[in-house]
PDB file of all heavy atoms in Angstrom:
ATOM      1  N   LYS A   1       0.578   8.870   1.474  1.00  0.00           N
ATOM      2  CA  LYS A   1       0.947  10.295   1.203  1.00  0.00           C
ATOM      3  C   LYS A   1      -0.419  11.120   1.296  1.00  0.00           C
ATOM      4  O   LYS A   1      -1.121  11.129   0.348  1.00  0.00           O
ATOM      5  CB  LYS A   1       1.530  10.521  -0.112  1.00  0.00           C
ATOM      6  CG  LYS A   1       2.047  11.866  -0.380  1.00  0.00           C
ATOM      7  CD  LYS A   1       2.823  12.111  -1.647  1.00  0.00           C
ATOM      8  CE  LYS A   1       3.271  13.534  -1.855  1.00  0.00           C
ATOM      9  NZ  LYS A   1       4.025  13.767  -3.065  1.00  0.00           N
ATOM     10  N   GLY A   2      -0.723  11.418   2.516  1.00  0.00           N
ATOM     11  CA  GLY A   2      -2.003  12.151   2.715  1.00  0.00           C
ATOM     12  C   GLY A   2      -3.235  11.227   2.534  1.00  0.00           C
ATOM     13  O   GLY A   2      -3.311  10.206   3.106  1.00  0.00           O
ATOM     14  N   GLU A   3      -4.005  11.747   1.561  1.00  0.00           N
ATOM     15  CA  GLU A   3      -5.302  10.937   1.213  1.00  0.00           C
ATOM     16  C   GLU A   3      -5.033   9.969   0.053  1.00  0.00           C
ATOM     17  O   GLU A   3      -6.037   9.464  -0.462  1.00  0.00           O
ATOM     18  CB  GLU A   3      -6.366  12.025   0.796  1.00  0.00           C
ATOM     19  CG  GLU A   3      -6.716  13.056   1.828  1.00  0.00           C
ATOM     20  CD  GLU A   3      -7.468  12.386   3.020  1.00  0.00           C
ATOM     21  OE1 GLU A   3      -8.605  12.217   2.807  1.00  0.00           O
ATOM     22  OE2 GLU A   3      -6.772  12.177   4.079  1.00  0.00           O
ATOM     23  N   MET A   4      -3.772   9.817  -0.334  1.00  0.00           N
ATOM     24  CA  MET A   4      -3.444   8.829  -1.377  1.00  0.00           C
ATOM     25  C   MET A   4      -2.486   7.805  -0.848  1.00  0.00           C
ATOM     26  O   MET A   4      -1.738   7.977   0.175  1.00  0.00           O
ATOM     27  CB  MET A   4      -2.762   9.599  -2.482  1.00  0.00           C
ATOM     28  CG  MET A   4      -3.659  10.594  -3.210  1.00  0.00           C
ATOM     29  SD  MET A   4      -2.838  11.479  -4.580  1.00  0.00           S
ATOM     30  CE  MET A   4      -1.730  12.362  -3.661  1.00  0.00           C
ATOM     31  N   ALA A   5      -2.440   6.660  -1.406  1.00  0.00           N
ATOM     32  CA  ALA A   5      -1.530   5.601  -1.040  1.00  0.00           C
ATOM     33  C   ALA A   5      -1.315   4.638  -2.308  1.00  0.00           C
ATOM     34  O   ALA A   5      -2.024   4.680  -3.331  1.00  0.00           O
ATOM     35  CB  ALA A   5      -2.341   4.750  -0.096  1.00  0.00           C
ATOM     36  N   LYS A   6      -0.088   4.018  -2.164  1.00  0.00           N
ATOM     37  CA  LYS A   6       0.243   3.046  -3.291  1.00  0.00           C
ATOM     38  C   LYS A   6       0.444   1.745  -2.546  1.00  0.00           C
ATOM     39  O   LYS A   6       1.114   1.663  -1.582  1.00  0.00           O
ATOM     40  CB  LYS A   6       1.458   3.443  -3.947  1.00  0.00           C
ATOM     41  CG  LYS A   6       1.279   4.591  -4.971  1.00  0.00           C
ATOM     42  CD  LYS A   6       2.598   5.037  -5.658  1.00  0.00           C
ATOM     43  CE  LYS A   6       2.340   5.989  -6.712  1.00  0.00           C
ATOM     44  NZ  LYS A   6       1.380   5.546  -7.808  1.00  0.00           N
ATOM     45  N   GLY A   7      -0.136   0.687  -3.077  1.00  0.00           N
ATOM     46  CA  GLY A   7       0.009  -0.669  -2.529  1.00  0.00           C
ATOM     47  C   GLY A   7       0.617  -1.598  -3.468  1.00  0.00           C
ATOM     48  O   GLY A   7       0.141  -1.762  -4.605  1.00  0.00           O
ATOM     49  N   GLN A   8       1.733  -2.168  -3.042  1.00  0.00           N
ATOM     50  CA  GLN A   8       2.598  -3.102  -3.927  1.00  0.00           C
ATOM     51  C   GLN A   8       1.945  -4.425  -4.023  1.00  0.00           C
ATOM     52  O   GLN A   8       1.492  -5.063  -3.006  1.00  0.00           O
ATOM     53  CB  GLN A   8       3.909  -3.174  -3.346  1.00  0.00           C
ATOM     54  CG  GLN A   8       4.835  -3.942  -4.229  1.00  0.00           C
ATOM     55  CD  GLN A   8       6.351  -3.910  -3.757  1.00  0.00           C
ATOM     56  OE1 GLN A   8       6.523  -3.932  -2.558  1.00  0.00           O
ATOM     57  NE2 GLN A   8       7.274  -3.980  -4.698  1.00  0.00           N
ATOM     58  N   ILE A   9       1.754  -4.950  -5.261  1.00  0.00           N
ATOM     59  CA  ILE A   9       1.159  -6.268  -5.498  1.00  0.00           C
ATOM     60  C   ILE A   9       2.092  -7.403  -5.189  1.00  0.00           C
ATOM     61  O   ILE A   9       3.199  -7.399  -5.727  1.00  0.00           O
ATOM     62  CB  ILE A   9       0.654  -6.323  -6.884  1.00  0.00           C
ATOM     63  CG1 ILE A   9      -0.533  -5.307  -7.200  1.00  0.00           C
ATOM     64  CG2 ILE A   9       0.004  -7.712  -7.166  1.00  0.00           C
ATOM     65  CD1 ILE A   9      -0.964  -5.246  -8.578  1.00  0.00           C
ATOM     66  N   VAL A  10       1.723  -8.300  -4.361  1.00  0.00           N
ATOM     67  CA  VAL A  10       2.476  -9.509  -4.140  1.00  0.00           C
ATOM     68  C   VAL A  10       1.670 -10.712  -4.814  1.00  0.00           C
ATOM     69  O   VAL A  10       0.515 -10.900  -4.244  1.00  0.00           O
ATOM     70  CB  VAL A  10       2.655  -9.754  -2.555  1.00  0.00           C
ATOM     71  CG1 VAL A  10       3.537 -11.106  -2.474  1.00  0.00           C
ATOM     72  CG2 VAL A  10       3.533  -8.579  -2.007  1.00  0.00           C
ATOM     73  N   SER A  11       2.228 -11.324  -5.770  1.00  0.00           N
ATOM     74  CA  SER A  11       1.622 -12.428  -6.388  1.00  0.00           C
ATOM     75  C   SER A  11       2.090 -13.786  -6.024  1.00  0.00           C
ATOM     76  O   SER A  11       3.260 -14.123  -6.286  1.00  0.00           O
ATOM     77  CB  SER A  11       1.729 -12.265  -7.892  1.00  0.00           C
ATOM     78  OG  SER A  11       1.009 -13.231  -8.634  1.00  0.00           O
ATOM     79  N   GLY A  12       1.316 -14.548  -5.186  1.00  0.00           N
ATOM     80  CA  GLY A  12       1.836 -15.652  -4.568  1.00  0.00           C
ATOM     81  C   GLY A  12       2.851 -15.301  -3.491  1.00  0.00           C
ATOM     82  O   GLY A  12       2.584 -14.560  -2.596  1.00  0.00           O
ATOM     83  N   GLU A  13       4.119 -15.801  -3.757  1.00  0.00           N
ATOM     84  CA  GLU A  13       5.153 -15.344  -2.829  1.00  0.00           C
ATOM     85  C   GLU A  13       6.067 -14.313  -3.465  1.00  0.00           C
ATOM     86  O   GLU A  13       7.088 -13.907  -2.915  1.00  0.00           O
ATOM     87  CB  GLU A  13       5.993 -16.634  -2.381  1.00  0.00           C
ATOM     88  CG  GLU A  13       5.240 -17.663  -1.595  1.00  0.00           C
ATOM     89  CD  GLU A  13       4.562 -17.034  -0.405  1.00  0.00           C
ATOM     90  OE1 GLU A  13       5.256 -16.307   0.332  1.00  0.00           O
ATOM     91  OE2 GLU A  13       3.365 -17.258  -0.038  1.00  0.00           O
ATOM     92  N   GLN A  14       5.708 -13.939  -4.739  1.00  0.00           N
ATOM     93  CA  GLN A  14       6.606 -13.075  -5.578  1.00  0.00           C
ATOM     94  C   GLN A  14       6.149 -11.548  -5.323  1.00  0.00           C
ATOM     95  O   GLN A  14       5.025 -11.116  -5.534  1.00  0.00           O
ATOM     96  CB  GLN A  14       6.548 -13.463  -6.948  1.00  0.00           C
ATOM     97  CG  GLN A  14       7.529 -12.592  -7.887  1.00  0.00           C
ATOM     98  CD  GLN A  14       7.361 -12.911  -9.284  1.00  0.00           C
ATOM     99  OE1 GLN A  14       6.739 -13.966  -9.670  1.00  0.00           O
ATOM    100  NE2 GLN A  14       8.144 -12.233 -10.128  1.00  0.00           N
ATOM    101  N   ILE A  15       7.166 -10.723  -4.943  1.00  0.00           N
ATOM    102  CA  ILE A  15       6.882  -9.273  -4.747  1.00  0.00           C
ATOM    103  C   ILE A  15       7.107  -8.697  -6.143  1.00  0.00           C
ATOM    104  O   ILE A  15       8.246  -8.843  -6.759  1.00  0.00           O
ATOM    105  CB  ILE A  15       7.997  -8.722  -3.791  1.00  0.00           C
ATOM    106  CG1 ILE A  15       7.706  -9.283  -2.425  1.00  0.00           C
ATOM    107  CG2 ILE A  15       7.808  -7.172  -3.683  1.00  0.00           C
ATOM    108  CD1 ILE A  15       8.838  -8.930  -1.345  1.00  0.00           C
ATOM    109  N   THR A  16       6.149  -8.061  -6.676  1.00  0.00           N
ATOM    110  CA  THR A  16       6.247  -7.428  -7.986  1.00  0.00           C
ATOM    111  C   THR A  16       6.581  -5.958  -7.911  1.00  0.00           C
ATOM    112  O   THR A  16       6.386  -5.344  -6.842  1.00  0.00           O
ATOM    113  CB  THR A  16       4.863  -7.605  -8.742  1.00  0.00           C
ATOM    114  OG1 THR A  16       3.929  -6.602  -8.174  1.00  0.00           O
ATOM    115  CG2 THR A  16       4.336  -8.992  -8.496  1.00  0.00           C
ATOM    116  N   PRO A  17       6.899  -5.370  -9.043  1.00  0.00           N
ATOM    117  CA  PRO A  17       7.271  -3.931  -9.063  1.00  0.00           C
ATOM    118  C   PRO A  17       5.975  -3.112  -9.333  1.00  0.00           C
ATOM    119  O   PRO A  17       6.006  -1.954  -9.514  1.00  0.00           O
ATOM    120  CB  PRO A  17       8.237  -3.746 -10.263  1.00  0.00           C
ATOM    121  CG  PRO A  17       7.856  -4.863 -11.143  1.00  0.00           C
ATOM    122  CD  PRO A  17       7.325  -6.013 -10.227  1.00  0.00           C
ATOM    123  N   VAL A  18       4.825  -3.686  -9.256  1.00  0.00           N
ATOM    124  CA  VAL A  18       3.519  -3.156  -9.603  1.00  0.00           C
ATOM    125  C   VAL A  18       2.788  -2.583  -8.366  1.00  0.00           C
ATOM    126  O   VAL A  18       2.714  -3.348  -7.384  1.00  0.00           O
ATOM    127  CB  VAL A  18       2.691  -4.137 -10.354  1.00  0.00           C
ATOM    128  CG1 VAL A  18       1.282  -3.491 -10.820  1.00  0.00           C
ATOM    129  CG2 VAL A  18       3.345  -4.584 -11.615  1.00  0.00           C
ATOM    130  N   TYR A  19       2.207  -1.389  -8.491  1.00  0.00           N
ATOM    131  CA  TYR A  19       1.559  -0.838  -7.352  1.00  0.00           C
ATOM    132  C   TYR A  19       0.165  -0.376  -7.813  1.00  0.00           C
ATOM    133  O   TYR A  19       0.086   0.149  -8.950  1.00  0.00           O
ATOM    134  CB  TYR A  19       2.269   0.417  -6.797  1.00  0.00           C
ATOM    135  CG  TYR A  19       3.480   0.150  -5.991  1.00  0.00           C
ATOM    136  CD1 TYR A  19       4.704  -0.162  -6.561  1.00  0.00           C
ATOM    137  CD2 TYR A  19       3.456   0.252  -4.569  1.00  0.00           C
ATOM    138  CE1 TYR A  19       5.850  -0.385  -5.731  1.00  0.00           C
ATOM    139  CE2 TYR A  19       4.634   0.080  -3.783  1.00  0.00           C
ATOM    140  CZ  TYR A  19       5.700  -0.356  -4.431  1.00  0.00           C
ATOM    141  OH  TYR A  19       6.825  -0.499  -3.604  1.00  0.00           O
ATOM    142  N   PHE A  20      -0.870  -0.702  -6.939  1.00  0.00           N
ATOM    143  CA  PHE A  20      -2.204  -0.104  -7.200  1.00  0.00           C
ATOM    144  C   PHE A  20      -2.230   1.219  -6.503  1.00  0.00           C
ATOM    145  O   PHE A  20      -1.673   1.392  -5.338  1.00  0.00           O
ATOM    146  CB  PHE A  20      -3.243  -1.063  -6.519  1.00  0.00           C
ATOM    147  CG  PHE A  20      -3.852  -1.981  -7.539  1.00  0.00           C
ATOM    148  CD1 PHE A  20      -3.693  -3.452  -7.326  1.00  0.00           C
ATOM    149  CD2 PHE A  20      -4.672  -1.564  -8.549  1.00  0.00           C
ATOM    150  CE1 PHE A  20      -4.363  -4.298  -8.156  1.00  0.00           C
ATOM    151  CE2 PHE A  20      -5.224  -2.443  -9.547  1.00  0.00           C
ATOM    152  CZ  PHE A  20      -5.096  -3.799  -9.253  1.00  0.00           C
ATOM    153  N   ASP A  21      -2.900   2.218  -7.059  1.00  0.00           N
ATOM    154  CA  ASP A  21      -3.161   3.433  -6.415  1.00  0.00           C
ATOM    155  C   ASP A  21      -4.494   3.324  -5.502  1.00  0.00           C
ATOM    156  O   ASP A  21      -5.410   2.645  -5.987  1.00  0.00           O
ATOM    157  CB  ASP A  21      -3.411   4.632  -7.329  1.00  0.00           C
ATOM    158  CG  ASP A  21      -2.001   4.967  -7.936  1.00  0.00           C
ATOM    159  OD1 ASP A  21      -1.036   4.531  -7.526  1.00  0.00           O
ATOM    160  OD2 ASP A  21      -2.051   5.844  -8.992  1.00  0.00           O
ATOM    161  N   PHE A  22      -4.496   4.003  -4.409  1.00  0.00           N
ATOM    162  CA  PHE A  22      -5.676   3.958  -3.578  1.00  0.00           C
ATOM    163  C   PHE A  22      -5.969   5.507  -3.118  1.00  0.00           C
ATOM    164  O   PHE A  22      -5.079   6.197  -2.974  1.00  0.00           O
ATOM    165  CB  PHE A  22      -5.389   3.231  -2.256  1.00  0.00           C
ATOM    166  CG  PHE A  22      -5.368   1.760  -2.494  1.00  0.00           C
ATOM    167  CD1 PHE A  22      -4.145   1.206  -2.857  1.00  0.00           C
ATOM    168  CD2 PHE A  22      -6.416   0.881  -2.300  1.00  0.00           C
ATOM    169  CE1 PHE A  22      -3.971  -0.240  -3.042  1.00  0.00           C
ATOM    170  CE2 PHE A  22      -6.309  -0.530  -2.433  1.00  0.00           C
ATOM    171  CZ  PHE A  22      -5.076  -1.024  -2.868  1.00  0.00           C
ATOM    172  N   ASN A  23      -7.178   5.940  -3.105  1.00  0.00           N
ATOM    173  CA  ASN A  23      -7.579   7.184  -2.786  1.00  0.00           C
ATOM    174  C   ASN A  23      -8.616   7.145  -1.553  1.00  0.00           C
ATOM    175  O   ASN A  23      -9.482   6.335  -1.572  1.00  0.00           O
ATOM    176  CB  ASN A  23      -8.202   7.934  -3.948  1.00  0.00           C
ATOM    177  CG  ASN A  23      -7.144   8.165  -5.047  1.00  0.00           C
ATOM    178  OD1 ASN A  23      -6.198   8.929  -4.774  1.00  0.00           O
ATOM    179  ND2 ASN A  23      -7.183   7.680  -6.100  1.00  0.00           N
ATOM    180  N   LYS A  24      -8.403   8.061  -0.612  1.00  0.00           N
ATOM    181  CA  LYS A  24      -9.345   8.111   0.490  1.00  0.00           C
ATOM    182  C   LYS A  24     -10.567   9.061   0.163  1.00  0.00           C
ATOM    183  O   LYS A  24     -10.300  10.263  -0.103  1.00  0.00           O
ATOM    184  CB  LYS A  24      -8.535   8.576   1.765  1.00  0.00           C
ATOM    185  CG  LYS A  24      -9.154   8.185   3.013  1.00  0.00           C
ATOM    186  CD  LYS A  24      -8.305   8.564   4.189  1.00  0.00           C
ATOM    187  CE  LYS A  24      -8.863   7.922   5.568  1.00  0.00           C
ATOM    188  NZ  LYS A  24      -7.966   8.354   6.647  1.00  0.00           N
ATOM    189  N   GLU A  25     -11.714   8.494   0.126  1.00  0.00           N
ATOM    190  CA  GLU A  25     -12.888   9.267  -0.215  1.00  0.00           C
ATOM    191  C   GLU A  25     -13.988   9.202   0.940  1.00  0.00           C
ATOM    192  O   GLU A  25     -14.234   8.115   1.328  1.00  0.00           O
ATOM    193  CB  GLU A  25     -13.554   8.679  -1.520  1.00  0.00           C
ATOM    194  CG  GLU A  25     -12.546   8.895  -2.795  1.00  0.00           C
ATOM    195  CD  GLU A  25     -13.084   8.170  -3.931  1.00  0.00           C
ATOM    196  OE1 GLU A  25     -14.182   7.553  -3.866  1.00  0.00           O
ATOM    197  OE2 GLU A  25     -12.542   8.474  -4.958  1.00  0.00           O
ATOM    198  N   LYS A  26     -14.145  10.261   1.488  1.00  0.00           N
ATOM    199  CA  LYS A  26     -15.008  10.345   2.656  1.00  0.00           C
ATOM    200  C   LYS A  26     -14.634   9.457   3.771  1.00  0.00           C
ATOM    201  O   LYS A  26     -15.349   8.646   4.355  1.00  0.00           O
ATOM    202  CB  LYS A  26     -16.535   9.975   2.267  1.00  0.00           C
ATOM    203  CG  LYS A  26     -17.046  10.923   1.268  1.00  0.00           C
ATOM    204  CD  LYS A  26     -18.487  10.737   1.018  1.00  0.00           C
ATOM    205  CE  LYS A  26     -19.081  11.750  -0.016  1.00  0.00           C
ATOM    206  NZ  LYS A  26     -20.439  11.381  -0.396  1.00  0.00           N
ATOM    207  N   GLU A  27     -13.279   9.528   4.075  1.00  0.00           N
ATOM    208  CA  GLU A  27     -12.630   8.765   5.139  1.00  0.00           C
ATOM    209  C   GLU A  27     -12.496   7.253   4.819  1.00  0.00           C
ATOM    210  O   GLU A  27     -12.252   6.507   5.739  1.00  0.00           O
ATOM    211  CB  GLU A  27     -13.310   8.952   6.399  1.00  0.00           C
ATOM    212  CG  GLU A  27     -13.309  10.464   6.898  1.00  0.00           C
ATOM    213  CD  GLU A  27     -11.879  11.011   7.037  1.00  0.00           C
ATOM    214  OE1 GLU A  27     -11.008  10.383   7.608  1.00  0.00           O
ATOM    215  OE2 GLU A  27     -11.737  12.135   6.431  1.00  0.00           O
ATOM    216  N   VAL A  28     -12.790   6.858   3.632  1.00  0.00           N
ATOM    217  CA  VAL A  28     -12.746   5.429   3.255  1.00  0.00           C
ATOM    218  C   VAL A  28     -11.809   5.211   2.099  1.00  0.00           C
ATOM    219  O   VAL A  28     -11.918   5.948   1.073  1.00  0.00           O
ATOM    220  CB  VAL A  28     -14.124   4.858   2.903  1.00  0.00           C
ATOM    221  CG1 VAL A  28     -14.046   3.395   2.489  1.00  0.00           C
ATOM    222  CG2 VAL A  28     -15.194   5.005   4.031  1.00  0.00           C
ATOM    223  N   TRP A  29     -10.927   4.274   2.292  1.00  0.00           N
ATOM    224  CA  TRP A  29      -9.974   3.920   1.149  1.00  0.00           C
ATOM    225  C   TRP A  29     -10.600   3.265   0.004  1.00  0.00           C
ATOM    226  O   TRP A  29     -11.438   2.279   0.276  1.00  0.00           O
ATOM    227  CB  TRP A  29      -8.784   3.119   1.690  1.00  0.00           C
ATOM    228  CG  TRP A  29      -7.831   3.942   2.527  1.00  0.00           C
ATOM    229  CD1 TRP A  29      -7.684   3.902   3.908  1.00  0.00           C
ATOM    230  CD2 TRP A  29      -6.851   4.885   2.069  1.00  0.00           C
ATOM    231  NE1 TRP A  29      -6.756   4.721   4.329  1.00  0.00           N
ATOM    232  CE2 TRP A  29      -6.165   5.329   3.232  1.00  0.00           C
ATOM    233  CE3 TRP A  29      -6.480   5.360   0.873  1.00  0.00           C
ATOM    234  CZ2 TRP A  29      -5.109   6.296   3.057  1.00  0.00           C
ATOM    235  CZ3 TRP A  29      -5.459   6.265   0.802  1.00  0.00           C
ATOM    236  CH2 TRP A  29      -4.833   6.805   1.865  1.00  0.00           C
ATOM    237  N   LYS A  30     -10.340   3.656  -1.179  1.00  0.00           N
ATOM    238  CA  LYS A  30     -10.959   2.961  -2.438  1.00  0.00           C
ATOM    239  C   LYS A  30      -9.773   2.800  -3.324  1.00  0.00           C
ATOM    240  O   LYS A  30      -8.806   3.522  -3.512  1.00  0.00           O
ATOM    241  CB  LYS A  30     -11.953   3.898  -3.054  1.00  0.00           C
ATOM    242  CG  LYS A  30     -13.187   4.441  -2.195  1.00  0.00           C
ATOM    243  CD  LYS A  30     -14.078   3.250  -1.986  1.00  0.00           C
ATOM    244  CE  LYS A  30     -15.306   3.537  -1.114  1.00  0.00           C
ATOM    245  NZ  LYS A  30     -16.259   4.354  -1.985  1.00  0.00           N
ATOM    246  N   ILE A  31      -9.953   1.802  -4.176  1.00  0.00           N
ATOM    247  CA  ILE A  31      -8.861   1.284  -5.115  1.00  0.00           C
ATOM    248  C   ILE A  31      -9.070   2.036  -6.410  1.00  0.00           C
ATOM    249  O   ILE A  31     -10.174   2.175  -6.889  1.00  0.00           O
ATOM    250  CB  ILE A  31      -8.820  -0.169  -5.259  1.00  0.00           C
ATOM    251  CG1 ILE A  31      -7.569  -0.626  -6.067  1.00  0.00           C
ATOM    252  CG2 ILE A  31     -10.081  -0.806  -5.858  1.00  0.00           C
ATOM    253  CD1 ILE A  31      -7.424  -2.203  -5.954  1.00  0.00           C
TER     254      ILE A  31
END
């Protein structure tokens, strides 16, 4: 979503309901 993103955590082979937020700073994605 624009300069923001959400990345879903996959632990081993298990898809979790947990997402890390990421922000784009100076054209570079940061967690």
